[in-house]
Amino acid sequence: MSIGMDSGWFTTFLQAYFDSQAVSELPIWRVVKTDASGKSHFLTGEGAWDETWSQVMSLRESDAASRYNHTHNIVYERE
């Protein structure tokens, strides 16, 4: 039996949390479009994980030439 890979070592609890599935429960997700130059633009405000992914998939289908994804803009790293 295994509980998963042990390759995810983090220096803070927040780093581990934001790399876990638990973070998907927060309504912090935004649709982002990346243009040809590599610059990202937020297209939506914050929302739920499933709703945001639905918007991403819809945009990918209607505009296959562009790159759409999801992310959040919460800063949690230590300096």
C-alpha atoms as a PDB file:
ATOM      1  CA  MET A   1       0.000   0.000   0.000  1.00  0.00           C
ATOM      2  CA  SER A   2       1.026   3.565  -0.586  1.00  0.00           C
ATOM      3  CA  ILE A   3      -0.176   6.981   0.503  1.00  0.00           C
ATOM      4  CA  GLY A   4       1.326   8.640  -2.561  1.00  0.00           C
ATOM      5  CA  MET A   5       4.609  10.088  -3.675  1.00  0.00           C
ATOM      6  CA  ASP A   6       6.920  11.704  -1.156  1.00  0.00           C
ATOM      7  CA  SER A   7       8.446  14.102  -3.698  1.00  0.00           C
ATOM      8  CA  GLY A   8       6.423  17.098  -2.489  1.00  0.00           C
ATOM      9  CA  TRP A   9       8.519  18.709   0.224  1.00  0.00           C
ATOM     10  CA  PHE A  10       7.529  22.204   1.317  1.00  0.00           C
ATOM     11  CA  THR A  11       9.023  24.766   3.657  1.00  0.00           C
ATOM     12  CA  THR A  12       5.663  26.145   4.791  1.00  0.00           C
ATOM     13  CA  PHE A  13       2.214  24.786   5.498  1.00  0.00           C
ATOM     14  CA  LEU A  14       0.713  27.173   2.921  1.00  0.00           C
ATOM     15  CA  GLN A  15       2.954  25.811   0.165  1.00  0.00           C
ATOM     16  CA  ALA A  16       1.727  22.308   0.959  1.00  0.00           C
ATOM     17  CA  TYR A  17      -1.883  23.472   1.174  1.00  0.00           C
ATOM     18  CA  PHE A  18      -1.818  25.211  -2.203  1.00  0.00           C
ATOM     19  CA  ASP A  19      -0.341  22.061  -3.750  1.00  0.00           C
ATOM     20  CA  SER A  20      -3.129  19.880  -2.313  1.00  0.00           C
ATOM     21  CA  GLN A  21      -6.648  19.025  -3.477  1.00  0.00           C
ATOM     22  CA  ALA A  22      -8.089  20.794  -0.434  1.00  0.00           C
ATOM     23  CA  VAL A  23      -7.461  24.202  -2.012  1.00  0.00           C
ATOM     24  CA  SER A  24     -10.007  23.430  -4.751  1.00  0.00           C
ATOM     25  CA  GLU A  25     -12.738  23.967  -2.135  1.00  0.00           C
ATOM     26  CA  LEU A  26     -11.940  27.700  -1.951  1.00  0.00           C
ATOM     27  CA  PRO A  27     -13.784  30.073  -4.326  1.00  0.00           C
ATOM     28  CA  ILE A  28     -10.528  31.721  -5.452  1.00  0.00           C
ATOM     29  CA  TRP A  29     -10.232  30.463  -9.028  1.00  0.00           C
ATOM     30  CA  ARG A  30     -10.060  32.749 -12.040  1.00  0.00           C
ATOM     31  CA  VAL A  31      -9.997  32.145 -15.795  1.00  0.00           C
ATOM     32  CA  VAL A  32      -6.780  33.351 -17.395  1.00  0.00           C
ATOM     33  CA  LYS A  33      -5.959  33.795 -21.083  1.00  0.00           C
ATOM     34  CA  THR A  34      -2.345  33.683 -22.221  1.00  0.00           C
ATOM     35  CA  ASP A  35      -1.638  35.573 -25.430  1.00  0.00           C
ATOM     36  CA  ALA A  36       0.939  34.762 -28.108  1.00  0.00           C
ATOM     37  CA  SER A  37       3.611  36.831 -26.330  1.00  0.00           C
ATOM     38  CA  GLY A  38       3.160  34.764 -23.148  1.00  0.00           C
ATOM     39  CA  LYS A  39       1.419  37.530 -21.191  1.00  0.00           C
ATOM     40  CA  SER A  40      -1.517  36.395 -19.043  1.00  0.00           C
ATOM     41  CA  HIS A  41      -4.785  38.289 -18.609  1.00  0.00           C
ATOM     42  CA  PHE A  42      -7.487  37.524 -16.045  1.00  0.00           C
ATOM     43  CA  LEU A  43     -10.897  37.184 -17.713  1.00  0.00           C
ATOM     44  CA  THR A  44     -13.042  36.577 -14.629  1.00  0.00           C
ATOM     45  CA  GLY A  45     -13.277  37.385 -10.982  1.00  0.00           C
ATOM     46  CA  GLU A  46     -12.894  34.712  -8.332  1.00  0.00           C
ATOM     47  CA  GLY A  47     -15.211  31.725  -8.389  1.00  0.00           C
ATOM     48  CA  ALA A  48     -15.626  28.068  -7.542  1.00  0.00           C
ATOM     49  CA  TRP A  49     -13.334  25.373  -8.980  1.00  0.00           C
ATOM     50  CA  ASP A  50     -15.997  23.552 -11.034  1.00  0.00           C
ATOM     51  CA  GLU A  51     -17.526  26.751 -12.413  1.00  0.00           C
ATOM     52  CA  THR A  52     -14.106  28.089 -13.409  1.00  0.00           C
ATOM     53  CA  TRP A  53     -13.111  24.842 -15.129  1.00  0.00           C
ATOM     54  CA  SER A  54     -16.420  24.860 -17.020  1.00  0.00           C
ATOM     55  CA  GLN A  55     -15.651  28.362 -18.303  1.00  0.00           C
ATOM     56  CA  VAL A  56     -12.114  27.335 -19.272  1.00  0.00           C
ATOM     57  CA  MET A  57     -13.374  24.319 -21.246  1.00  0.00           C
ATOM     58  CA  SER A  58     -16.021  26.406 -23.008  1.00  0.00           C
ATOM     59  CA  LEU A  59     -13.456  29.020 -24.021  1.00  0.00           C
ATOM     60  CA  ARG A  60     -11.038  26.341 -25.244  1.00  0.00           C
ATOM     61  CA  GLU A  61     -13.766  24.922 -27.487  1.00  0.00           C
ATOM     62  CA  SER A  62     -14.838  28.294 -28.893  1.00  0.00           C
ATOM     63  CA  ASP A  63     -11.304  29.708 -29.335  1.00  0.00           C
ATOM     64  CA  ALA A  64      -8.856  26.891 -29.993  1.00  0.00           C
ATOM     65  CA  ALA A  65      -6.185  29.337 -31.207  1.00  0.00           C
ATOM     66  CA  SER A  66      -5.767  30.864 -27.743  1.00  0.00           C
ATOM     67  CA  ARG A  67      -4.596  29.359 -24.457  1.00  0.00           C
ATOM     68  CA  TYR A  68      -6.992  29.333 -21.481  1.00  0.00           C
ATOM     69  CA  ASN A  69      -6.418  27.989 -17.998  1.00  0.00           C
ATOM     70  CA  HIS A  70      -7.317  28.613 -14.361  1.00  0.00           C
ATOM     71  CA  THR A  71      -5.313  30.065 -11.514  1.00  0.00           C
ATOM     72  CA  HIS A  72      -5.579  32.225  -8.426  1.00  0.00           C
ATOM     73  CA  ASN A  73      -3.735  35.392  -7.505  1.00  0.00           C
ATOM     74  CA  ILE A  74      -3.172  34.770  -3.814  1.00  0.00           C
ATOM     75  CA  VAL A  75       0.388  35.516  -2.709  1.00  0.00           C
ATOM     76  CA  TYR A  76       1.503  33.256   0.116  1.00  0.00           C
ATOM     77  CA  GLU A  77       5.271  32.845  -0.207  1.00  0.00           C
ATOM     78  CA  ARG A  78       7.700  34.085   2.426  1.00  0.00           C
ATOM     79  CA  GLU A  79      10.312  36.582   1.326  1.00  0.00           C
END
